[in-house]
Amino acid sequence: FDLTRLECFDISHTGGEATVAACVAFGVEGAIKADY
């Protein structure tokens, strides 16, 4: 099937402090920053 939308998750912290998870989205036109 054709790919029209991709998402990626990443976890960031410093020794467990202030842990933040991020999700970014990409489509056929590139990054979809409104869906970050």
ModelCIF file with pLDDT and N, C-alpha, C, O atoms, coordinates in Angstrom:
data_MODEL
#
_entry.id   MODEL 
#
_entity.id                         1 
_entity.type                       polymer 
_entity.pdbx_number_of_molecules   1 
#
_entity_poly.entity_id                      1 
_entity_poly.type                           'polypeptide(L)' 
_entity_poly.nstd_linkage                   no 
_entity_poly.nstd_monomer                   no 
_entity_poly.pdbx_seq_one_letter_code       FDLTRLECFDISHTGGEATVAACVAFGVEGAIKADY 
_entity_poly.pdbx_seq_one_letter_code_can   FDLTRLECFDISHTGGEATVAACVAFGVEGAIKADY 
_entity_poly.pdbx_strand_id                 A 
#
loop_
_entity_poly_seq.entity_id 
_entity_poly_seq.num 
_entity_poly_seq.mon_id 
_entity_poly_seq.hetero 
1 1  PHE n 
1 2  ASP n 
1 3  LEU n 
1 4  THR n 
1 5  ARG n 
1 6  LEU n 
1 7  GLU n 
1 8  CYS n 
1 9  PHE n 
1 10 ASP n 
1 11 ILE n 
1 12 SER n 
1 13 HIS n 
1 14 THR n 
1 15 GLY n 
1 16 GLY n 
1 17 GLU n 
1 18 ALA n 
1 19 THR n 
1 20 VAL n 
1 21 ALA n 
1 22 ALA n 
1 23 CYS n 
1 24 VAL n 
1 25 ALA n 
1 26 PHE n 
1 27 GLY n 
1 28 VAL n 
1 29 GLU n 
1 30 GLY n 
1 31 ALA n 
1 32 ILE n 
1 33 LYS n 
1 34 ALA n 
1 35 ASP n 
1 36 TYR n 
#
_struct_asym.id          A 
_struct_asym.entity_id   1 
#
loop_
_ma_qa_metric.id 
_ma_qa_metric.mode 
_ma_qa_metric.name 
_ma_qa_metric.software_group_id 
_ma_qa_metric.type 
1 global pLDDT . pLDDT 
2 local  pLDDT . pLDDT 
#
_ma_qa_metric_global.metric_id      1 
_ma_qa_metric_global.metric_value   90.08 
_ma_qa_metric_global.model_id       1 
_ma_qa_metric_global.ordinal_id     1 
#
loop_
_ma_qa_metric_local.label_asym_id 
_ma_qa_metric_local.label_comp_id 
_ma_qa_metric_local.label_seq_id 
_ma_qa_metric_local.metric_id 
_ma_qa_metric_local.metric_value 
_ma_qa_metric_local.model_id 
_ma_qa_metric_local.ordinal_id 
A PHE 1  2 88.00 1 1  
A ASP 2  2 89.00 1 2  
A LEU 3  2 91.00 1 3  
A THR 4  2 90.00 1 4  
A ARG 5  2 92.00 1 5  
A LEU 6  2 94.00 1 6  
A GLU 7  2 94.00 1 7  
A CYS 8  2 95.00 1 8  
A PHE 9  2 95.00 1 9  
A ASP 10 2 93.00 1 10 
A ILE 11 2 93.00 1 11 
A SER 12 2 92.00 1 12 
A HIS 13 2 89.00 1 13 
A THR 14 2 84.00 1 14 
A GLY 15 2 81.00 1 15 
A GLY 16 2 80.00 1 16 
A GLU 17 2 80.00 1 17 
A ALA 18 2 84.00 1 18 
A THR 19 2 91.00 1 19 
A VAL 20 2 92.00 1 20 
A ALA 21 2 93.00 1 21 
A ALA 22 2 94.00 1 22 
A CYS 23 2 94.00 1 23 
A VAL 24 2 95.00 1 24 
A ALA 25 2 94.00 1 25 
A PHE 26 2 93.00 1 26 
A GLY 27 2 90.00 1 27 
A VAL 28 2 86.00 1 28 
A GLU 29 2 83.00 1 29 
A GLY 30 2 87.00 1 30 
A ALA 31 2 89.00 1 31 
A ILE 32 2 91.00 1 32 
A LYS 33 2 91.00 1 33 
A ALA 34 2 91.00 1 34 
A ASP 35 2 91.00 1 35 
A TYR 36 2 94.00 1 36 
#
loop_
_atom_site.group_PDB 
_atom_site.id 
_atom_site.type_symbol 
_atom_site.label_atom_id 
_atom_site.label_alt_id 
_atom_site.label_comp_id 
_atom_site.label_asym_id 
_atom_site.label_entity_id 
_atom_site.label_seq_id 
_atom_site.pdbx_PDB_ins_code 
_atom_site.Cartn_x 
_atom_site.Cartn_y 
_atom_site.Cartn_z 
_atom_site.occupancy 
_atom_site.B_iso_or_equiv 
_atom_site.pdbx_formal_charge 
_atom_site.auth_seq_id 
_atom_site.auth_comp_id 
_atom_site.auth_asym_id 
_atom_site.auth_atom_id 
_atom_site.pdbx_PDB_model_num 
ATOM 1   N N  . PHE A 1 1  ? 0.845  -1.188 0.000  1.00 88.00 ? 1  PHE A N  1 
ATOM 2   C CA . PHE A 1 1  ? 0.000  0.000  0.000  1.00 88.00 ? 1  PHE A CA 1 
ATOM 3   C C  . PHE A 1 1  ? 0.883  1.241  0.000  1.00 88.00 ? 1  PHE A C  1 
ATOM 4   O O  . PHE A 1 1  ? 2.034  1.207  0.436  1.00 88.00 ? 1  PHE A O  1 
ATOM 5   N N  . ASP A 1 2  ? 0.318  2.333  -0.499 1.00 89.00 ? 2  ASP A N  1 
ATOM 6   C CA . ASP A 1 2  ? 1.056  3.588  -0.539 1.00 89.00 ? 2  ASP A CA 1 
ATOM 7   C C  . ASP A 1 2  ? 1.130  4.203  0.852  1.00 89.00 ? 2  ASP A C  1 
ATOM 8   O O  . ASP A 1 2  ? 0.191  4.100  1.641  1.00 89.00 ? 2  ASP A O  1 
ATOM 9   N N  . LEU A 1 3  ? 2.248  4.838  1.138  1.00 91.00 ? 3  LEU A N  1 
ATOM 10  C CA . LEU A 1 3  ? 2.467  5.493  2.416  1.00 91.00 ? 3  LEU A CA 1 
ATOM 11  C C  . LEU A 1 3  ? 2.077  6.955  2.307  1.00 91.00 ? 3  LEU A C  1 
ATOM 12  O O  . LEU A 1 3  ? 2.589  7.678  1.453  1.00 91.00 ? 3  LEU A O  1 
ATOM 13  N N  . THR A 1 4  ? 1.172  7.387  3.168  1.00 90.00 ? 4  THR A N  1 
ATOM 14  C CA . THR A 1 4  ? 0.714  8.772  3.148  1.00 90.00 ? 4  THR A CA 1 
ATOM 15  C C  . THR A 1 4  ? 0.945  9.495  4.476  1.00 90.00 ? 4  THR A C  1 
ATOM 16  O O  . THR A 1 4  ? 0.880  10.723 4.533  1.00 90.00 ? 4  THR A O  1 
ATOM 17  N N  . ARG A 1 5  ? 1.215  8.741  5.537  1.00 92.00 ? 5  ARG A N  1 
ATOM 18  C CA . ARG A 1 5  ? 1.428  9.374  6.839  1.00 92.00 ? 5  ARG A CA 1 
ATOM 19  C C  . ARG A 1 5  ? 2.356  8.509  7.688  1.00 92.00 ? 5  ARG A C  1 
ATOM 20  O O  . ARG A 1 5  ? 2.155  7.301  7.814  1.00 92.00 ? 5  ARG A O  1 
ATOM 21  N N  . LEU A 1 6  ? 3.381  9.148  8.271  1.00 94.00 ? 6  LEU A N  1 
ATOM 22  C CA . LEU A 1 6  ? 4.339  8.489  9.146  1.00 94.00 ? 6  LEU A CA 1 
ATOM 23  C C  . LEU A 1 6  ? 4.424  9.271  10.449 1.00 94.00 ? 6  LEU A C  1 
ATOM 24  O O  . LEU A 1 6  ? 4.338  10.499 10.448 1.00 94.00 ? 6  LEU A O  1 
ATOM 25  N N  . GLU A 1 7  ? 4.594  8.560  11.559 1.00 94.00 ? 7  GLU A N  1 
ATOM 26  C CA . GLU A 1 7  ? 4.795  9.180  12.857 1.00 94.00 ? 7  GLU A CA 1 
ATOM 27  C C  . GLU A 1 7  ? 5.982  8.543  13.552 1.00 94.00 ? 7  GLU A C  1 
ATOM 28  O O  . GLU A 1 7  ? 6.283  7.369  13.338 1.00 94.00 ? 7  GLU A O  1 
ATOM 29  N N  . CYS A 1 8  ? 6.654  9.325  14.384 1.00 95.00 ? 8  CYS A N  1 
ATOM 30  C CA . CYS A 1 8  ? 7.836  8.829  15.094 1.00 95.00 ? 8  CYS A CA 1 
ATOM 31  C C  . CYS A 1 8  ? 7.828  9.368  16.515 1.00 95.00 ? 8  CYS A C  1 
ATOM 32  O O  . CYS A 1 8  ? 7.537  10.543 16.738 1.00 95.00 ? 8  CYS A O  1 
ATOM 33  N N  . PHE A 1 9  ? 8.153  8.496  17.489 1.00 95.00 ? 9  PHE A N  1 
ATOM 34  C CA . PHE A 1 9  ? 8.215  8.855  18.900 1.00 95.00 ? 9  PHE A CA 1 
ATOM 35  C C  . PHE A 1 9  ? 9.662  8.786  19.393 1.00 95.00 ? 9  PHE A C  1 
ATOM 36  O O  . PHE A 1 9  ? 10.444 7.940  18.959 1.00 95.00 ? 9  PHE A O  1 
ATOM 37  N N  . ASP A 1 10 ? 9.997  9.693  20.307 1.00 93.00 ? 10 ASP A N  1 
ATOM 38  C CA . ASP A 1 10 ? 11.309 9.696  20.946 1.00 93.00 ? 10 ASP A CA 1 
ATOM 39  C C  . ASP A 1 10 ? 11.143 10.168 22.382 1.00 93.00 ? 10 ASP A C  1 
ATOM 40  O O  . ASP A 1 10 ? 10.262 10.974 22.682 1.00 93.00 ? 10 ASP A O  1 
ATOM 41  N N  . ILE A 1 11 ? 12.001 9.659  23.273 1.00 93.00 ? 11 ILE A N  1 
ATOM 42  C CA . ILE A 1 11 ? 11.984 10.002 24.688 1.00 93.00 ? 11 ILE A CA 1 
ATOM 43  C C  . ILE A 1 11 ? 13.265 10.744 25.014 1.00 93.00 ? 11 ILE A C  1 
ATOM 44  O O  . ILE A 1 11 ? 14.346 10.334 24.590 1.00 93.00 ? 11 ILE A O  1 
ATOM 45  N N  . SER A 1 12 ? 13.154 11.836 25.765 1.00 92.00 ? 12 SER A N  1 
ATOM 46  C CA . SER A 1 12 ? 14.315 12.627 26.137 1.00 92.00 ? 12 SER A CA 1 
ATOM 47  C C  . SER A 1 12 ? 14.266 12.948 27.624 1.00 92.00 ? 12 SER A C  1 
ATOM 48  O O  . SER A 1 12 ? 13.222 13.342 28.144 1.00 92.00 ? 12 SER A O  1 
ATOM 49  N N  . HIS A 1 13 ? 15.405 12.778 28.313 1.00 89.00 ? 13 HIS A N  1 
ATOM 50  C CA . HIS A 1 13 ? 15.534 13.139 29.733 1.00 89.00 ? 13 HIS A CA 1 
ATOM 51  C C  . HIS A 1 13 ? 17.011 13.208 30.081 1.00 89.00 ? 13 HIS A C  1 
ATOM 52  O O  . HIS A 1 13 ? 17.860 12.785 29.296 1.00 89.00 ? 13 HIS A O  1 
ATOM 53  N N  . THR A 1 14 ? 17.312 13.733 31.239 1.00 84.00 ? 14 THR A N  1 
ATOM 54  C CA . THR A 1 14 ? 18.666 13.798 31.758 1.00 84.00 ? 14 THR A CA 1 
ATOM 55  C C  . THR A 1 14 ? 18.701 13.066 33.090 1.00 84.00 ? 14 THR A C  1 
ATOM 56  O O  . THR A 1 14 ? 18.298 13.606 34.120 1.00 84.00 ? 14 THR A O  1 
ATOM 57  N N  . GLY A 1 15 ? 19.188 11.834 33.057 1.00 81.00 ? 15 GLY A N  1 
ATOM 58  C CA . GLY A 1 15 ? 19.213 11.032 34.277 1.00 81.00 ? 15 GLY A CA 1 
ATOM 59  C C  . GLY A 1 15 ? 17.839 10.808 34.871 1.00 81.00 ? 15 GLY A C  1 
ATOM 60  O O  . GLY A 1 15 ? 17.700 10.678 36.087 1.00 81.00 ? 15 GLY A O  1 
ATOM 61  N N  . GLY A 1 16 ? 16.826 10.760 34.027 1.00 80.00 ? 16 GLY A N  1 
ATOM 62  C CA . GLY A 1 16 ? 15.468 10.566 34.500 1.00 80.00 ? 16 GLY A CA 1 
ATOM 63  C C  . GLY A 1 16 ? 14.746 11.836 34.880 1.00 80.00 ? 16 GLY A C  1 
ATOM 64  O O  . GLY A 1 16 ? 13.575 11.784 35.255 1.00 80.00 ? 16 GLY A O  1 
ATOM 65  N N  . GLU A 1 17 ? 15.416 12.989 34.794 1.00 80.00 ? 17 GLU A N  1 
ATOM 66  C CA . GLU A 1 17 ? 14.814 14.262 35.174 1.00 80.00 ? 17 GLU A CA 1 
ATOM 67  C C  . GLU A 1 17 ? 14.052 14.860 34.006 1.00 80.00 ? 17 GLU A C  1 
ATOM 68  O O  . GLU A 1 17 ? 14.524 14.850 32.869 1.00 80.00 ? 17 GLU A O  1 
ATOM 69  N N  . ALA A 1 18 ? 12.855 15.387 34.302 1.00 84.00 ? 18 ALA A N  1 
ATOM 70  C CA . ALA A 1 18 ? 12.051 16.118 33.321 1.00 84.00 ? 18 ALA A CA 1 
ATOM 71  C C  . ALA A 1 18 ? 11.874 15.329 32.028 1.00 84.00 ? 18 ALA A C  1 
ATOM 72  O O  . ALA A 1 18 ? 12.204 15.821 30.949 1.00 84.00 ? 18 ALA A O  1 
ATOM 73  N N  . THR A 1 19 ? 11.356 14.108 32.133 1.00 91.00 ? 19 THR A N  1 
ATOM 74  C CA . THR A 1 19 ? 11.178 13.255 30.965 1.00 91.00 ? 19 THR A CA 1 
ATOM 75  C C  . THR A 1 19 ? 10.092 13.810 30.052 1.00 91.00 ? 19 THR A C  1 
ATOM 76  O O  . THR A 1 19 ? 9.000  14.157 30.500 1.00 91.00 ? 19 THR A O  1 
ATOM 77  N N  . VAL A 1 20 ? 10.411 13.886 28.773 1.00 92.00 ? 20 VAL A N  1 
ATOM 78  C CA . VAL A 1 20 ? 9.491  14.389 27.762 1.00 92.00 ? 20 VAL A CA 1 
ATOM 79  C C  . VAL A 1 20 ? 9.473  13.420 26.589 1.00 92.00 ? 20 VAL A C  1 
ATOM 80  O O  . VAL A 1 20 ? 10.524 13.003 26.103 1.00 92.00 ? 20 VAL A O  1 
ATOM 81  N N  . ALA A 1 21 ? 8.273  13.063 26.135 1.00 93.00 ? 21 ALA A N  1 
ATOM 82  C CA . ALA A 1 21 ? 8.092  12.264 24.925 1.00 93.00 ? 21 ALA A CA 1 
ATOM 83  C C  . ALA A 1 21 ? 7.602  13.168 23.809 1.00 93.00 ? 21 ALA A C  1 
ATOM 84  O O  . ALA A 1 21 ? 6.784  14.060 24.034 1.00 93.00 ? 21 ALA A O  1 
ATOM 85  N N  . ALA A 1 22 ? 8.105  12.934 22.610 1.00 94.00 ? 22 ALA A N  1 
ATOM 86  C CA . ALA A 1 22 ? 7.747  13.755 21.461 1.00 94.00 ? 22 ALA A CA 1 
ATOM 87  C C  . ALA A 1 22 ? 7.256  12.877 20.326 1.00 94.00 ? 22 ALA A C  1 
ATOM 88  O O  . ALA A 1 22 ? 7.745  11.766 20.119 1.00 94.00 ? 22 ALA A O  1 
ATOM 89  N N  . CYS A 1 23 ? 6.278  13.398 19.593 1.00 94.00 ? 23 CYS A N  1 
ATOM 90  C CA . CYS A 1 23 ? 5.737  12.736 18.416 1.00 94.00 ? 23 CYS A CA 1 
ATOM 91  C C  . CYS A 1 23 ? 5.750  13.711 17.253 1.00 94.00 ? 23 CYS A C  1 
ATOM 92  O O  . CYS A 1 23 ? 5.219  14.816 17.362 1.00 94.00 ? 23 CYS A O  1 
ATOM 93  N N  . VAL A 1 24 ? 6.354  13.308 16.135 1.00 95.00 ? 24 VAL A N  1 
ATOM 94  C CA . VAL A 1 24 ? 6.358  14.115 14.920 1.00 95.00 ? 24 VAL A CA 1 
ATOM 95  C C  . VAL A 1 24 ? 5.635  13.345 13.826 1.00 95.00 ? 24 VAL A C  1 
ATOM 96  O O  . VAL A 1 24 ? 5.587  12.115 13.847 1.00 95.00 ? 24 VAL A O  1 
ATOM 97  N N  . ALA A 1 25 ? 5.071  14.080 12.866 1.00 94.00 ? 25 ALA A N  1 
ATOM 98  C CA . ALA A 1 25 ? 4.285  13.486 11.784 1.00 94.00 ? 25 ALA A CA 1 
ATOM 99  C C  . ALA A 1 25 ? 4.795  13.981 10.443 1.00 94.00 ? 25 ALA A C  1 
ATOM 100 O O  . ALA A 1 25 ? 5.149  15.151 10.295 1.00 94.00 ? 25 ALA A O  1 
ATOM 101 N N  . PHE A 1 26 ? 4.832  13.077 9.462  1.00 93.00 ? 26 PHE A N  1 
ATOM 102 C CA . PHE A 1 26 ? 5.246  13.396 8.103  1.00 93.00 ? 26 PHE A CA 1 
ATOM 103 C C  . PHE A 1 26 ? 4.205  12.861 7.130  1.00 93.00 ? 26 PHE A C  1 
ATOM 104 O O  . PHE A 1 26 ? 3.618  11.800 7.341  1.00 93.00 ? 26 PHE A O  1 
ATOM 105 N N  . GLY A 1 27 ? 3.990  13.629 6.050  1.00 90.00 ? 27 GLY A N  1 
ATOM 106 C CA . GLY A 1 27 ? 3.088  13.222 4.995  1.00 90.00 ? 27 GLY A CA 1 
ATOM 107 C C  . GLY A 1 27 ? 3.739  13.336 3.638  1.00 90.00 ? 27 GLY A C  1 
ATOM 108 O O  . GLY A 1 27 ? 4.962  13.433 3.532  1.00 90.00 ? 27 GLY A O  1 
ATOM 109 N N  . VAL A 1 28 ? 2.927  13.324 2.606  1.00 86.00 ? 28 VAL A N  1 
ATOM 110 C CA . VAL A 1 28 ? 3.456  13.373 1.242  1.00 86.00 ? 28 VAL A CA 1 
ATOM 111 C C  . VAL A 1 28 ? 4.090  14.717 0.923  1.00 86.00 ? 28 VAL A C  1 
ATOM 112 O O  . VAL A 1 28 ? 4.854  14.821 -0.035 1.00 86.00 ? 28 VAL A O  1 
ATOM 113 N N  . GLU A 1 29 ? 3.791  15.743 1.701  1.00 83.00 ? 29 GLU A N  1 
ATOM 114 C CA . GLU A 1 29 ? 4.371  17.064 1.496  1.00 83.00 ? 29 GLU A CA 1 
ATOM 115 C C  . GLU A 1 29 ? 5.463  17.394 2.495  1.00 83.00 ? 29 GLU A C  1 
ATOM 116 O O  . GLU A 1 29 ? 5.944  18.526 2.534  1.00 83.00 ? 29 GLU A O  1 
ATOM 117 N N  . GLY A 1 30 ? 5.863  16.415 3.308  1.00 87.00 ? 30 GLY A N  1 
ATOM 118 C CA . GLY A 1 30 ? 6.916  16.626 4.283  1.00 87.00 ? 30 GLY A CA 1 
ATOM 119 C C  . GLY A 1 30 ? 6.377  16.665 5.700  1.00 87.00 ? 30 GLY A C  1 
ATOM 120 O O  . GLY A 1 30 ? 5.367  16.032 6.009  1.00 87.00 ? 30 GLY A O  1 
ATOM 121 N N  . ALA A 1 31 ? 7.055  17.411 6.557  1.00 89.00 ? 31 ALA A N  1 
ATOM 122 C CA . ALA A 1 31 ? 6.679  17.490 7.959  1.00 89.00 ? 31 ALA A CA 1 
ATOM 123 C C  . ALA A 1 31 ? 5.329  18.165 8.135  1.00 89.00 ? 31 ALA A C  1 
ATOM 124 O O  . ALA A 1 31 ? 5.063  19.198 7.521  1.00 89.00 ? 31 ALA A O  1 
ATOM 125 N N  . ILE A 1 32 ? 4.477  17.585 8.971  1.00 91.00 ? 32 ILE A N  1 
ATOM 126 C CA . ILE A 1 32 ? 3.173  18.152 9.309  1.00 91.00 ? 32 ILE A CA 1 
ATOM 127 C C  . ILE A 1 32 ? 3.283  18.696 10.727 1.00 91.00 ? 32 ILE A C  1 
ATOM 128 O O  . ILE A 1 32 ? 2.894  18.025 11.683 1.00 91.00 ? 32 ILE A O  1 
ATOM 129 N N  . LYS A 1 33 ? 3.813  19.913 10.868 1.00 91.00 ? 33 LYS A N  1 
ATOM 130 C CA . LYS A 1 33 ? 4.127  20.457 12.185 1.00 91.00 ? 33 LYS A CA 1 
ATOM 131 C C  . LYS A 1 33 ? 2.882  20.749 13.012 1.00 91.00 ? 33 LYS A C  1 
ATOM 132 O O  . LYS A 1 33 ? 2.958  20.814 14.239 1.00 91.00 ? 33 LYS A O  1 
ATOM 133 N N  . ALA A 1 34 ? 1.756  20.923 12.367 1.00 91.00 ? 34 ALA A N  1 
ATOM 134 C CA . ALA A 1 34 ? 0.519  21.136 13.120 1.00 91.00 ? 34 ALA A CA 1 
ATOM 135 C C  . ALA A 1 34 ? 0.133  19.905 13.934 1.00 91.00 ? 34 ALA A C  1 
ATOM 136 O O  . ALA A 1 34 ? -0.627 20.016 14.896 1.00 91.00 ? 34 ALA A O  1 
ATOM 137 N N  . ASP A 1 35 ? 0.645  18.733 13.561 1.00 91.00 ? 35 ASP A N  1 
ATOM 138 C CA . ASP A 1 35 ? 0.328  17.488 14.265 1.00 91.00 ? 35 ASP A CA 1 
ATOM 139 C C  . ASP A 1 35 ? 1.435  17.067 15.222 1.00 91.00 ? 35 ASP A C  1 
ATOM 140 O O  . ASP A 1 35 ? 1.351  15.992 15.814 1.00 91.00 ? 35 ASP A O  1 
ATOM 141 N N  . TYR A 1 36 ? 2.468  17.883 15.388 1.00 94.00 ? 36 TYR A N  1 
ATOM 142 C CA . TYR A 1 36 ? 3.508  17.587 16.374 1.00 94.00 ? 36 TYR A CA 1 
ATOM 143 C C  . TYR A 1 36 ? 2.911  17.650 17.785 1.00 94.00 ? 36 TYR A C  1 
ATOM 144 O O  . TYR A 1 36 ? 3.621  17.431 18.766 1.00 94.00 ? 36 TYR A O  1 
#
